[in-house]
C-alpha atoms as a PDB file:
ATOM      1  CA  MET A   1       0.000   0.000   0.000  1.00  0.00           C
ATOM      2  CA  LYS A   2       1.271   3.454  -0.919  1.00  0.00           C
ATOM      3  CA  PRO A   3       2.081   5.509   2.186  1.00  0.00           C
ATOM      4  CA  LEU A   4      -0.119   8.507   2.949  1.00  0.00           C
ATOM      5  CA  THR A   5       1.279  11.882   2.021  1.00  0.00           C
ATOM      6  CA  LEU A   6       0.597  15.423   3.107  1.00  0.00           C
ATOM      7  CA  LYS A   7      -1.132  15.976  -0.238  1.00  0.00           C
ATOM      8  CA  ASP A   8      -3.556  13.110   0.513  1.00  0.00           C
ATOM      9  CA  VAL A   9      -4.558  14.823   3.757  1.00  0.00           C
ATOM     10  CA  ALA A  10      -4.942  18.178   1.970  1.00  0.00           C
ATOM     11  CA  ARG A  11      -7.133  16.644  -0.721  1.00  0.00           C
ATOM     12  CA  GLN A  12      -9.396  14.919   1.846  1.00  0.00           C
ATOM     13  CA  ALA A  13      -9.672  18.083   3.988  1.00  0.00           C
ATOM     14  CA  GLY A  14     -10.240  20.388   1.006  1.00  0.00           C
ATOM     15  CA  VAL A  15      -7.348  22.689   1.852  1.00  0.00           C
ATOM     16  CA  SER A  16      -3.894  23.381   0.500  1.00  0.00           C
ATOM     17  CA  PRO A  17      -0.855  21.264   1.461  1.00  0.00           C
ATOM     18  CA  LYS A  18       0.666  24.387   3.045  1.00  0.00           C
ATOM     19  CA  THR A  19      -2.327  24.689   5.389  1.00  0.00           C
ATOM     20  CA  VAL A  20      -1.961  21.042   6.407  1.00  0.00           C
ATOM     21  CA  SER A  21       1.728  21.651   7.054  1.00  0.00           C
ATOM     22  CA  ARG A  22       0.918  24.625   9.276  1.00  0.00           C
ATOM     23  CA  VAL A  23      -1.569  22.595  11.310  1.00  0.00           C
ATOM     24  CA  ILE A  24       0.802  19.662  11.770  1.00  0.00           C
ATOM     25  CA  ASN A  25       3.673  21.977  12.754  1.00  0.00           C
ATOM     26  CA  GLY A  26       1.525  23.886  15.238  1.00  0.00           C
ATOM     27  CA  GLU A  27       2.016  27.178  13.401  1.00  0.00           C
ATOM     28  CA  ALA A  28      -0.209  30.230  13.756  1.00  0.00           C
ATOM     29  CA  TYR A  29      -2.392  31.880  11.110  1.00  0.00           C
ATOM     30  CA  VAL A  30      -4.833  28.995  10.760  1.00  0.00           C
ATOM     31  CA  ARG A  31      -8.488  29.564  11.633  1.00  0.00           C
ATOM     32  CA  PRO A  32      -9.686  27.345  14.530  1.00  0.00           C
ATOM     33  CA  GLU A  33     -12.400  25.692  12.423  1.00  0.00           C
ATOM     34  CA  VAL A  34      -9.915  24.890   9.642  1.00  0.00           C
ATOM     35  CA  ARG A  35      -7.368  23.563  12.161  1.00  0.00           C
ATOM     36  CA  ALA A  36     -10.041  21.292  13.696  1.00  0.00           C
ATOM     37  CA  ALA A  37     -11.153  20.014  10.264  1.00  0.00           C
ATOM     38  CA  VAL A  38      -7.591  19.207   9.184  1.00  0.00           C
ATOM     39  CA  GLN A  39      -6.785  17.504  12.484  1.00  0.00           C
ATOM     40  CA  LYS A  40      -9.931  15.391  12.127  1.00  0.00           C
ATOM     41  CA  VAL A  41      -8.757  14.143   8.725  1.00  0.00           C
ATOM     42  CA  VAL A  42      -5.243  13.505  10.072  1.00  0.00           C
ATOM     43  CA  ASP A  43      -6.703  11.377  12.883  1.00  0.00           C
ATOM     44  CA  GLU A  44      -9.131   9.525  10.605  1.00  0.00           C
ATOM     45  CA  LEU A  45      -6.478   8.655   8.027  1.00  0.00           C
ATOM     46  CA  GLY A  46      -3.854   7.858  10.683  1.00  0.00           C
ATOM     47  CA  TYR A  47      -1.381  10.128   8.951  1.00  0.00           C
ATOM     48  CA  ARG A  48       2.043  10.411  10.597  1.00  0.00           C
ATOM     49  CA  PRO A  49       4.505  12.898   9.087  1.00  0.00           C
ATOM     50  CA  ASN A  50       8.112  11.944   8.531  1.00  0.00           C
ATOM     51  CA  ALA A  51       9.978  13.863  11.222  1.00  0.00           C
ATOM     52  CA  PHE A  52      13.299  13.909   9.379  1.00  0.00           C
ATOM     53  CA  ALA A  53      11.769  15.086   6.105  1.00  0.00           C
ATOM     54  CA  ARG A  54      10.039  17.871   8.014  1.00  0.00           C
ATOM     55  CA  GLU A  55      13.372  18.995   9.450  1.00  0.00           C
ATOM     56  CA  LEU A  56      14.940  19.190   5.990  1.00  0.00           C
ATOM     57  CA  SER A  57      12.129  21.399   4.705  1.00  0.00           C
ATOM     58  CA  SER A  58      11.922  23.767   7.693  1.00  0.00           C
ATOM     59  CA  ALA A  59      14.015  25.502  10.298  1.00  0.00           C
ATOM     60  CA  ARG A  60      12.308  23.509  13.031  1.00  0.00           C
ATOM     61  CA  SER A  61      13.655  20.353  14.661  1.00  0.00           C
ATOM     62  CA  PHE A  62      11.409  17.384  15.422  1.00  0.00           C
ATOM     63  CA  LEU A  63      13.926  15.595  17.602  1.00  0.00           C
ATOM     64  CA  LEU A  64      13.597  15.811  21.398  1.00  0.00           C
ATOM     65  CA  GLY A  65      16.118  14.700  24.004  1.00  0.00           C
ATOM     66  CA  LEU A  66      15.275  12.892  27.244  1.00  0.00           C
ATOM     67  CA  TYR A  67      18.061  13.062  29.826  1.00  0.00           C
ATOM     68  CA  PHE A  68      18.622  10.743  32.822  1.00  0.00           C
ATOM     69  CA  ASP A  69      21.415   9.952  35.238  1.00  0.00           C
ATOM     70  CA  ASP A  70      20.156   6.335  35.370  1.00  0.00           C
ATOM     71  CA  PRO A  71      18.064   5.358  32.313  1.00  0.00           C
ATOM     72  CA  ALA A  72      17.750   1.755  33.566  1.00  0.00           C
ATOM     73  CA  SER A  73      15.697   2.542  36.686  1.00  0.00           C
ATOM     74  CA  ALA A  74      12.009   1.696  37.065  1.00  0.00           C
ATOM     75  CA  TYR A  75      11.273   5.430  37.188  1.00  0.00           C
ATOM     76  CA  ALA A  76      13.099   5.999  33.900  1.00  0.00           C
ATOM     77  CA  ALA A  77      11.136   3.231  32.188  1.00  0.00           C
ATOM     78  CA  ASP A  78       7.815   4.924  33.002  1.00  0.00           C
ATOM     79  CA  VAL A  79       9.071   8.351  31.915  1.00  0.00           C
ATOM     80  CA  GLN A  80      10.381   6.951  28.625  1.00  0.00           C
ATOM     81  CA  ARG A  81       7.066   5.223  27.973  1.00  0.00           C
ATOM     82  CA  GLY A  82       5.107   8.445  28.441  1.00  0.00           C
ATOM     83  CA  ALA A  83       7.485  10.567  26.387  1.00  0.00           C
ATOM     84  CA  LEU A  84       7.731   8.071  23.541  1.00  0.00           C
ATOM     85  CA  ALA A  85       3.968   7.680  23.233  1.00  0.00           C
ATOM     86  CA  ARG A  86       3.381  11.439  23.095  1.00  0.00           C
ATOM     87  CA  CYS A  87       6.241  12.004  20.658  1.00  0.00           C
ATOM     88  CA  ARG A  88       4.840   9.309  18.399  1.00  0.00           C
ATOM     89  CA  ALA A  89       1.391  10.917  18.472  1.00  0.00           C
ATOM     90  CA  LEU A  90       2.823  14.348  17.632  1.00  0.00           C
ATOM     91  CA  GLY A  91       5.201  13.129  14.929  1.00  0.00           C
ATOM     92  CA  TYR A  92       8.396  13.731  16.902  1.00  0.00           C
ATOM     93  CA  HIS A  93      11.394  11.486  17.494  1.00  0.00           C
ATOM     94  CA  LEU A  94      12.994  10.944  20.887  1.00  0.00           C
ATOM     95  CA  VAL A  95      16.609  10.278  21.817  1.00  0.00           C
ATOM     96  CA  VAL A  96      17.519   9.095  25.338  1.00  0.00           C
ATOM     97  CA  GLU A  97      20.782  10.371  26.811  1.00  0.00           C
ATOM     98  CA  GLN A  98      22.600   9.490  30.045  1.00  0.00           C
ATOM     99  CA  VAL A  99      24.568  12.175  31.890  1.00  0.00           C
ATOM    100  CA  THR A 100      26.632  11.524  35.012  1.00  0.00           C
ATOM    101  CA  ARG A 101      28.998  13.778  36.942  1.00  0.00           C
ATOM    102  CA  ASP A 102      31.273  10.995  38.177  1.00  0.00           C
ATOM    103  CA  ARG A 103      34.016  11.483  35.602  1.00  0.00           C
ATOM    104  CA  PRO A 104      36.116  14.426  34.375  1.00  0.00           C
ATOM    105  CA  GLY A 105      34.959  16.120  31.203  1.00  0.00           C
ATOM    106  CA  TRP A 106      31.307  15.119  31.503  1.00  0.00           C
ATOM    107  CA  LEU A 107      30.056  18.604  30.646  1.00  0.00           C
ATOM    108  CA  ALA A 108      32.292  18.870  27.574  1.00  0.00           C
ATOM    109  CA  GLU A 109      31.011  15.458  26.420  1.00  0.00           C
ATOM    110  CA  CYS A 110      27.454  16.650  26.850  1.00  0.00           C
ATOM    111  CA  GLU A 111      28.176  19.798  24.858  1.00  0.00           C
ATOM    112  CA  ALA A 112      29.775  17.764  22.048  1.00  0.00           C
ATOM    113  CA  SER A 113      26.715  15.504  21.967  1.00  0.00           C
ATOM    114  CA  LEU A 114      24.402  18.507  21.777  1.00  0.00           C
ATOM    115  CA  ARG A 115      26.401  19.983  18.903  1.00  0.00           C
ATOM    116  CA  SER A 116      26.116  16.715  16.983  1.00  0.00           C
ATOM    117  CA  MET A 117      22.317  16.698  17.281  1.00  0.00           C
ATOM    118  CA  ARG A 118      19.750  19.262  16.280  1.00  0.00           C
ATOM    119  CA  LEU A 119      17.401  19.058  19.236  1.00  0.00           C
ATOM    120  CA  GLY A 120      14.071  20.832  19.216  1.00  0.00           C
ATOM    121  CA  GLY A 121      14.040  20.644  23.012  1.00  0.00           C
ATOM    122  CA  ALA A 122      15.125  18.594  26.015  1.00  0.00           C
ATOM    123  CA  ILE A 123      13.448  16.989  29.020  1.00  0.00           C
ATOM    124  CA  LEU A 124      15.595  16.888  32.143  1.00  0.00           C
ATOM    125  CA  THR A 125      14.736  14.437  34.929  1.00  0.00           C
ATOM    126  CA  PRO A 126      15.967  14.505  38.555  1.00  0.00           C
ATOM    127  CA  PRO A 127      18.642  15.175  39.637  1.00  0.00           C
ATOM    128  CA  LEU A 128      19.899  16.572  36.299  1.00  0.00           C
ATOM    129  CA  CYS A 129      17.082  19.118  36.243  1.00  0.00           C
ATOM    130  CA  ASP A 130      18.764  20.983  39.118  1.00  0.00           C
ATOM    131  CA  TRP A 131      22.373  20.990  37.890  1.00  0.00           C
ATOM    132  CA  PRO A 132      23.187  24.676  37.219  1.00  0.00           C
ATOM    133  CA  GLU A 133      26.052  23.907  34.835  1.00  0.00           C
ATOM    134  CA  LEU A 134      23.774  21.706  32.711  1.00  0.00           C
ATOM    135  CA  LEU A 135      20.985  24.289  32.657  1.00  0.00           C
ATOM    136  CA  ASP A 136      23.517  26.937  31.657  1.00  0.00           C
ATOM    137  CA  LEU A 137      24.740  24.715  28.818  1.00  0.00           C
ATOM    138  CA  PHE A 138      21.257  24.263  27.347  1.00  0.00           C
ATOM    139  CA  ALA A 139      20.601  27.992  27.660  1.00  0.00           C
ATOM    140  CA  ARG A 140      23.884  28.777  25.904  1.00  0.00           C
ATOM    141  CA  MET A 141      23.057  26.287  23.130  1.00  0.00           C
ATOM    142  CA  GLU A 142      19.560  27.810  22.864  1.00  0.00           C
ATOM    143  CA  VAL A 143      17.829  24.475  23.440  1.00  0.00           C
ATOM    144  CA  ALA A 144      14.428  24.756  25.139  1.00  0.00           C
ATOM    145  CA  VAL A 145      14.162  22.747  28.362  1.00  0.00           C
ATOM    146  CA  VAL A 146      11.321  21.289  30.415  1.00  0.00           C
ATOM    147  CA  ARG A 147      12.288  19.996  33.862  1.00  0.00           C
ATOM    148  CA  ILE A 148      10.479  17.162  35.622  1.00  0.00           C
ATOM    149  CA  SER A 149      10.177  17.522  39.430  1.00  0.00           C
ATOM    150  CA  PRO A 150      12.783  20.272  39.854  1.00  0.00           C
ATOM    151  CA  GLY A 151      13.811  21.684  43.203  1.00  0.00           C
ATOM    152  CA  ASP A 152      12.429  25.079  42.220  1.00  0.00           C
ATOM    153  CA  VAL A 153      10.573  26.661  39.343  1.00  0.00           C
ATOM    154  CA  ASP A 154      11.919  29.739  37.572  1.00  0.00           C
ATOM    155  CA  GLU A 155      10.875  31.897  34.652  1.00  0.00           C
ATOM    156  CA  HIS A 156      13.605  30.559  32.349  1.00  0.00           C
ATOM    157  CA  THR A 157      12.467  26.934  32.043  1.00  0.00           C
ATOM    158  CA  ALA A 158       9.107  25.190  32.113  1.00  0.00           C
ATOM    159  CA  ALA A 159       8.471  22.407  34.631  1.00  0.00           C
ATOM    160  CA  VAL A 160       6.148  19.486  35.355  1.00  0.00           C
ATOM    161  CA  GLU A 161       5.781  18.397  38.968  1.00  0.00           C
ATOM    162  CA  MET A 162       3.530  16.906  41.643  1.00  0.00           C
ATOM    163  CA  ASP A 163       3.032  17.565  45.366  1.00  0.00           C
ATOM    164  CA  GLU A 164       5.745  15.279  46.773  1.00  0.00           C
ATOM    165  CA  ARG A 165       5.436  16.668  50.302  1.00  0.00           C
ATOM    166  CA  GLY A 166       1.651  16.425  50.396  1.00  0.00           C
ATOM    167  CA  ALA A 167       1.645  12.901  48.987  1.00  0.00           C
ATOM    168  CA  ALA A 168       4.145  11.647  51.594  1.00  0.00           C
ATOM    169  CA  ARG A 169       2.095  13.249  54.333  1.00  0.00           C
ATOM    170  CA  GLU A 170      -1.077  11.524  53.102  1.00  0.00           C
ATOM    171  CA  LEU A 171       0.619   8.130  53.035  1.00  0.00           C
ATOM    172  CA  THR A 172       1.992   8.611  56.550  1.00  0.00           C
ATOM    173  CA  GLU A 173      -1.452   9.687  57.760  1.00  0.00           C
ATOM    174  CA  ALA A 174      -2.880   6.492  56.264  1.00  0.00           C
ATOM    175  CA  LEU A 175      -0.389   4.420  58.282  1.00  0.00           C
ATOM    176  CA  ILE A 176      -1.271   6.354  61.443  1.00  0.00           C
ATOM    177  CA  ALA A 177      -4.980   5.774  60.762  1.00  0.00           C
ATOM    178  CA  LEU A 178      -4.224   2.035  60.737  1.00  0.00           C
ATOM    179  CA  GLY A 179      -2.995   2.378  64.320  1.00  0.00           C
ATOM    180  CA  HIS A 180       0.761   2.615  63.679  1.00  0.00           C
ATOM    181  CA  ARG A 181       2.623   4.800  66.163  1.00  0.00           C
ATOM    182  CA  ASP A 182       6.211   3.634  65.672  1.00  0.00           C
ATOM    183  CA  ILE A 183       7.033   4.191  61.997  1.00  0.00           C
ATOM    184  CA  GLY A 184      10.456   3.916  60.400  1.00  0.00           C
ATOM    185  CA  PHE A 185      11.470   6.034  57.429  1.00  0.00           C
ATOM    186  CA  ILE A 186      14.110   5.367  54.758  1.00  0.00           C
ATOM    187  CA  GLN A 187      15.414   8.476  53.028  1.00  0.00           C
ATOM    188  CA  GLY A 188      15.982   8.868  49.290  1.00  0.00           C
ATOM    189  CA  ASN A 189      19.007  10.026  47.322  1.00  0.00           C
ATOM    190  CA  PRO A 190      19.988  13.416  48.784  1.00  0.00           C
ATOM    191  CA  GLU A 191      20.786  14.726  45.284  1.00  0.00           C
ATOM    192  CA  HIS A 192      17.068  14.506  44.472  1.00  0.00           C
ATOM    193  CA  HIS A 193      14.973  17.337  45.879  1.00  0.00           C
ATOM    194  CA  ALA A 194      12.027  14.936  45.969  1.00  0.00           C
ATOM    195  CA  ALA A 195      13.773  12.959  48.710  1.00  0.00           C
ATOM    196  CA  ALA A 196      13.768  15.930  51.086  1.00  0.00           C
ATOM    197  CA  ARG A 197      10.154  16.754  50.280  1.00  0.00           C
ATOM    198  CA  ARG A 198       9.011  13.218  50.997  1.00  0.00           C
ATOM    199  CA  GLN A 199      10.808  13.229  54.331  1.00  0.00           C
ATOM    200  CA  GLU A 200       9.249  16.599  55.162  1.00  0.00           C
ATOM    201  CA  GLY A 201       5.794  15.175  54.450  1.00  0.00           C
ATOM    202  CA  PHE A 202       6.462  12.146  56.660  1.00  0.00           C
ATOM    203  CA  GLU A 203       7.720  14.289  59.533  1.00  0.00           C
ATOM    204  CA  ALA A 204       4.829  16.753  59.219  1.00  0.00           C
ATOM    205  CA  ALA A 205       2.269  13.945  59.572  1.00  0.00           C
ATOM    206  CA  MET A 206       4.074  12.415  62.546  1.00  0.00           C
ATOM    207  CA  THR A 207       4.359  15.769  64.308  1.00  0.00           C
ATOM    208  CA  ALA A 208       0.722  16.665  63.665  1.00  0.00           C
ATOM    209  CA  ALA A 209      -0.312  13.334  65.218  1.00  0.00           C
ATOM    210  CA  GLY A 210       1.851  13.982  68.281  1.00  0.00           C
ATOM    211  CA  LEU A 211       4.159  11.062  67.515  1.00  0.00           C
ATOM    212  CA  ALA A 212       7.859  11.076  68.333  1.00  0.00           C
ATOM    213  CA  LEU A 213      10.436  11.391  65.557  1.00  0.00           C
ATOM    214  CA  ARG A 214      13.083   9.007  66.853  1.00  0.00           C
ATOM    215  CA  PRO A 215      16.425   9.600  65.079  1.00  0.00           C
ATOM    216  CA  GLU A 216      17.230   5.870  65.020  1.00  0.00           C
ATOM    217  CA  ARG A 217      14.028   5.257  63.046  1.00  0.00           C
ATOM    218  CA  THR A 218      15.180   7.364  60.084  1.00  0.00           C
ATOM    219  CA  LEU A 219      17.910   5.750  57.998  1.00  0.00           C
ATOM    220  CA  PRO A 220      19.706   6.855  54.834  1.00  0.00           C
ATOM    221  CA  GLY A 221      18.930   5.396  51.426  1.00  0.00           C
ATOM    222  CA  ASP A 222      19.637   6.255  47.796  1.00  0.00           C
ATOM    223  CA  PHE A 223      16.518   5.007  45.980  1.00  0.00           C
ATOM    224  CA  THR A 224      18.114   1.607  45.213  1.00  0.00           C
ATOM    225  CA  PHE A 225      16.946  -1.855  46.243  1.00  0.00           C
ATOM    226  CA  ARG A 226      20.276  -2.496  47.955  1.00  0.00           C
ATOM    227  CA  SER A 227      19.967   0.552  50.215  1.00  0.00           C
ATOM    228  CA  GLY A 228      16.405  -0.411  51.135  1.00  0.00           C
ATOM    229  CA  LEU A 229      17.519  -3.924  52.027  1.00  0.00           C
ATOM    230  CA  ALA A 230      20.354  -2.624  54.233  1.00  0.00           C
ATOM    231  CA  ALA A 231      18.148  -0.097  56.005  1.00  0.00           C
ATOM    232  CA  GLY A 232      15.401  -2.683  56.424  1.00  0.00           C
ATOM    233  CA  GLU A 233      17.767  -5.161  58.021  1.00  0.00           C
ATOM    234  CA  THR A 234      18.901  -2.490  60.485  1.00  0.00           C
ATOM    235  CA  LEU A 235      15.390  -1.369  61.384  1.00  0.00           C
ATOM    236  CA  LEU A 236      14.166  -4.948  61.828  1.00  0.00           C
ATOM    237  CA  SER A 237      17.094  -6.234  63.898  1.00  0.00           C
ATOM    238  CA  GLY A 238      16.328  -6.931  67.549  1.00  0.00           C
ATOM    239  CA  PRO A 239      13.023  -6.953  69.441  1.00  0.00           C
ATOM    240  CA  ASP A 240      12.526  -3.171  69.368  1.00  0.00           C
ATOM    241  CA  ARG A 241      11.393  -2.658  65.805  1.00  0.00           C
ATOM    242  CA  PRO A 242       8.820  -0.354  64.190  1.00  0.00           C
ATOM    243  CA  SER A 243       5.390  -1.677  63.261  1.00  0.00           C
ATOM    244  CA  ALA A 244       5.538   0.112  59.887  1.00  0.00           C
ATOM    245  CA  ILE A 245       8.259   1.330  57.522  1.00  0.00           C
ATOM    246  CA  PHE A 246       7.791   4.017  54.900  1.00  0.00           C
ATOM    247  CA  ALA A 247      10.513   3.887  52.217  1.00  0.00           C
ATOM    248  CA  ALA A 248      10.901   6.967  50.004  1.00  0.00           C
ATOM    249  CA  ASN A 249      10.493   4.911  46.826  1.00  0.00           C
ATOM    250  CA  ASP A 250       9.245   1.485  45.744  1.00  0.00           C
ATOM    251  CA  GLU A 251      12.645  -0.042  45.005  1.00  0.00           C
ATOM    252  CA  MET A 252      13.749   0.564  48.583  1.00  0.00           C
ATOM    253  CA  ALA A 253      10.395  -0.660  49.901  1.00  0.00           C
ATOM    254  CA  LEU A 254      10.963  -3.897  47.990  1.00  0.00           C
ATOM    255  CA  GLY A 255      14.337  -4.190  49.760  1.00  0.00           C
ATOM    256  CA  VAL A 256      12.544  -3.850  53.112  1.00  0.00           C
ATOM    257  CA  LEU A 257      10.089  -6.527  52.035  1.00  0.00           C
ATOM    258  CA  VAL A 258      12.966  -8.934  51.352  1.00  0.00           C
ATOM    259  CA  ALA A 259      14.595  -8.031  54.697  1.00  0.00           C
ATOM    260  CA  ALA A 260      11.341  -8.850  56.482  1.00  0.00           C
ATOM    261  CA  MET A 261      11.040 -12.172  54.659  1.00  0.00           C
ATOM    262  CA  ARG A 262      14.593 -13.127  55.620  1.00  0.00           C
ATOM    263  CA  ALA A 263      13.845 -12.251  59.254  1.00  0.00           C
ATOM    264  CA  GLY A 264      10.662 -14.332  59.272  1.00  0.00           C
ATOM    265  CA  ILE A 265       8.463 -11.254  59.813  1.00  0.00           C
ATOM    266  CA  VAL A 266       4.992 -11.594  58.279  1.00  0.00           C
ATOM    267  CA  VAL A 267       3.799  -8.669  56.144  1.00  0.00           C
ATOM    268  CA  PRO A 268       1.394  -7.023  56.888  1.00  0.00           C
ATOM    269  CA  ASP A 269       0.388  -8.918  60.085  1.00  0.00           C
ATOM    270  CA  GLN A 270       3.596  -8.046  61.932  1.00  0.00           C
ATOM    271  CA  LEU A 271       4.957  -5.233  59.778  1.00  0.00           C
ATOM    272  CA  SER A 272       3.420  -2.797  57.306  1.00  0.00           C
ATOM    273  CA  ILE A 273       5.574  -1.543  54.411  1.00  0.00           C
ATOM    274  CA  ALA A 274       4.862   1.382  52.082  1.00  0.00           C
ATOM    275  CA  GLY A 275       6.766   2.871  49.178  1.00  0.00           C
ATOM    276  CA  PHE A 276       6.408   5.792  46.780  1.00  0.00           C
ATOM    277  CA  ASP A 277       6.039   6.093  42.964  1.00  0.00           C
ATOM    278  CA  ASP A 278       3.828   3.078  42.098  1.00  0.00           C
ATOM    279  CA  ALA A 279       6.452   1.569  39.802  1.00  0.00           C
ATOM    280  CA  ALA A 280       5.658  -1.745  38.107  1.00  0.00           C
ATOM    281  CA  ILE A 281       7.534  -3.634  40.843  1.00  0.00           C
ATOM    282  CA  ALA A 282       5.055  -2.307  43.415  1.00  0.00           C
ATOM    283  CA  ARG A 283       2.291  -4.239  41.696  1.00  0.00           C
ATOM    284  CA  MET A 284       4.388  -7.344  41.035  1.00  0.00           C
ATOM    285  CA  ALA A 285       5.738  -7.688  44.599  1.00  0.00           C
ATOM    286  CA  TRP A 286       4.143 -10.104  47.064  1.00  0.00           C
ATOM    287  CA  PRO A 287       2.294  -8.811  48.866  1.00  0.00           C
ATOM    288  CA  PRO A 288       1.708  -5.898  46.468  1.00  0.00           C
ATOM    289  CA  LEU A 289       3.093  -2.643  47.851  1.00  0.00           C
ATOM    290  CA  SER A 290       1.030   0.218  49.217  1.00  0.00           C
ATOM    291  CA  THR A 291       2.429   3.372  47.643  1.00  0.00           C
ATOM    292  CA  VAL A 292       1.765   6.778  46.165  1.00  0.00           C
ATOM    293  CA  HIS A 293       0.947   6.671  42.482  1.00  0.00           C
ATOM    294  CA  GLN A 294       3.120   9.346  40.917  1.00  0.00           C
ATOM    295  CA  PRO A 295       1.916  10.015  37.348  1.00  0.00           C
ATOM    296  CA  HIS A 296       5.309   9.471  35.697  1.00  0.00           C
ATOM    297  CA  VAL A 297       3.836   8.571  32.302  1.00  0.00           C
ATOM    298  CA  GLU A 298       1.501  11.553  32.315  1.00  0.00           C
ATOM    299  CA  MET A 299       4.250  13.904  33.540  1.00  0.00           C
ATOM    300  CA  ALA A 300       6.520  12.861  30.679  1.00  0.00           C
ATOM    301  CA  ALA A 301       3.718  13.287  28.153  1.00  0.00           C
ATOM    302  CA  ALA A 302       2.979  16.743  29.566  1.00  0.00           C
ATOM    303  CA  ALA A 303       6.674  17.643  29.267  1.00  0.00           C
ATOM    304  CA  VAL A 304       6.584  16.728  25.568  1.00  0.00           C
ATOM    305  CA  GLU A 305       3.417  18.793  25.135  1.00  0.00           C
ATOM    306  CA  LEU A 306       5.125  21.822  26.684  1.00  0.00           C
ATOM    307  CA  LEU A 307       8.237  21.417  24.545  1.00  0.00           C
ATOM    308  CA  THR A 308       6.267  21.210  21.316  1.00  0.00           C
ATOM    309  CA  ARG A 309       4.409  24.434  22.013  1.00  0.00           C
ATOM    310  CA  PRO A 310       5.698  27.723  20.622  1.00  0.00           C
ATOM    311  CA  ALA A 311       7.932  29.624  23.056  1.00  0.00           C
ATOM    312  CA  GLU A 312       5.053  31.944  23.946  1.00  0.00           C
ATOM    313  CA  GLY A 313       2.947  28.952  24.951  1.00  0.00           C
ATOM    314  CA  ARG A 314       5.658  27.637  27.279  1.00  0.00           C
ATOM    315  CA  LYS A 315       5.961  31.041  28.939  1.00  0.00           C
ATOM    316  CA  ALA A 316       2.183  31.212  29.407  1.00  0.00           C
ATOM    317  CA  THR A 317       2.254  27.888  31.286  1.00  0.00           C
ATOM    318  CA  PRO A 318       5.695  27.708  32.934  1.00  0.00           C
ATOM    319  CA  SER A 319       4.714  25.011  35.419  1.00  0.00           C
ATOM    320  CA  LEU A 320       2.226  22.158  35.512  1.00  0.00           C
ATOM    321  CA  ARG A 321       1.328  20.277  38.707  1.00  0.00           C
ATOM    322  CA  LEU A 322      -0.321  16.904  38.140  1.00  0.00           C
ATOM    323  CA  PRO A 323      -2.365  15.063  40.789  1.00  0.00           C
ATOM    324  CA  HIS A 324      -1.157  11.983  42.685  1.00  0.00           C
ATOM    325  CA  THR A 325      -3.159   9.040  44.030  1.00  0.00           C
ATOM    326  CA  LEU A 326      -2.797   7.186  47.319  1.00  0.00           C
ATOM    327  CA  THR A 327      -2.794   3.453  46.518  1.00  0.00           C
ATOM    328  CA  LEU A 328      -3.179   1.115  49.505  1.00  0.00           C
ATOM    329  CA  ARG A 329      -2.514  -2.562  48.801  1.00  0.00           C
ATOM    330  CA  ASP A 330      -1.793  -5.701  50.820  1.00  0.00           C
ATOM    331  CA  SER A 331       1.604  -4.672  52.237  1.00  0.00           C
ATOM    332  CA  THR A 332      -0.081  -2.459  54.815  1.00  0.00           C
ATOM    333  CA  GLY A 333      -2.625  -3.381  57.451  1.00  0.00           C
ATOM    334  CA  PRO A 334      -3.744  -2.597  61.006  1.00  0.00           C
ATOM    335  CA  ALA A 335      -0.977  -2.254  63.558  1.00  0.00           C
ATOM    336  CA  PRO A 336      -0.451  -5.246  65.868  1.00  0.00           C
ATOM    337  CA  ALA A 337      -2.403  -5.061  69.128  1.00  0.00           C
ATOM    338  CA  SER A 338       0.773  -4.419  71.118  1.00  0.00           C
ATOM    339  CA  GLU A 339       1.428  -1.314  69.035  1.00  0.00           C
ATOM    340  CA  THR A 340      -2.037   0.230  69.393  1.00  0.00           C
ATOM    341  CA  GLU A 341      -1.866  -0.226  73.154  1.00  0.00           C
ATOM    342  CA  ARG A 342       1.228   2.027  73.445  1.00  0.00           C
END
């Protein structure tokens, strides 16, 4: 079958090929009713423009960059899925790049990579989204940036975020409502601003409930399974252990779950465990993890939407905050009777 062309869409919509091109490229000077009619034909025919051909015939790039420090994490998989799906729908291509600061010359390498590509924009995920030298590089190269979950929002770059602090507070309040009074907390990677916000939410809920924040109940972590396992083993050693543990992400919560299994502690009868993010592993674990559903897929799609708007559109909506959902599953339950009697 002969592939659809821009002229086929124009013929079906009863407009000129140039008008179709303007609609597909999101350009101005198209009446709303004409734009809607053309888009309807595009959707009905399933027309997808060739991104590289479009670049050759215009000054606009249809290649977006998605930047991670760890593209193999569960979080990264969800973000890639959301960004890829939205790019595909809008006729853009996506390239995934890894940037780490653990070796000399990393910034020069990143600059060389940018010079070799013609990016129409970049999505920066934590913690890259808060690296000043990286933000300065993109500004100098005149590449538009959207940051996901940055530490702060400024007028120079658009951002997509959620209420990390509020979500952590809600989850902690849910554990308290189940009768838990002695709750352990495992911190996230300190380079991620989200880690501090989640801890702040946990501590706010504990304080509001009049519960003690025991220093030995808060242990460091770095968002990896290994750190969750180590912290879980420490918190669960000996007779004086918490009745619930809130890990700042699902990978660490899974580590706690394994630590409990090794110690012969039954979840959730003897110990409740909660995570954060609602990654795929939260649903595949046994028992399935209670967690906060962070809309990673939707946040990535929204980042693509912002990047593909004209510059004026990004300035009009510099920040988007998407809603989270508290998801309670079988890893949490009522506190043991001995706990509620304290």
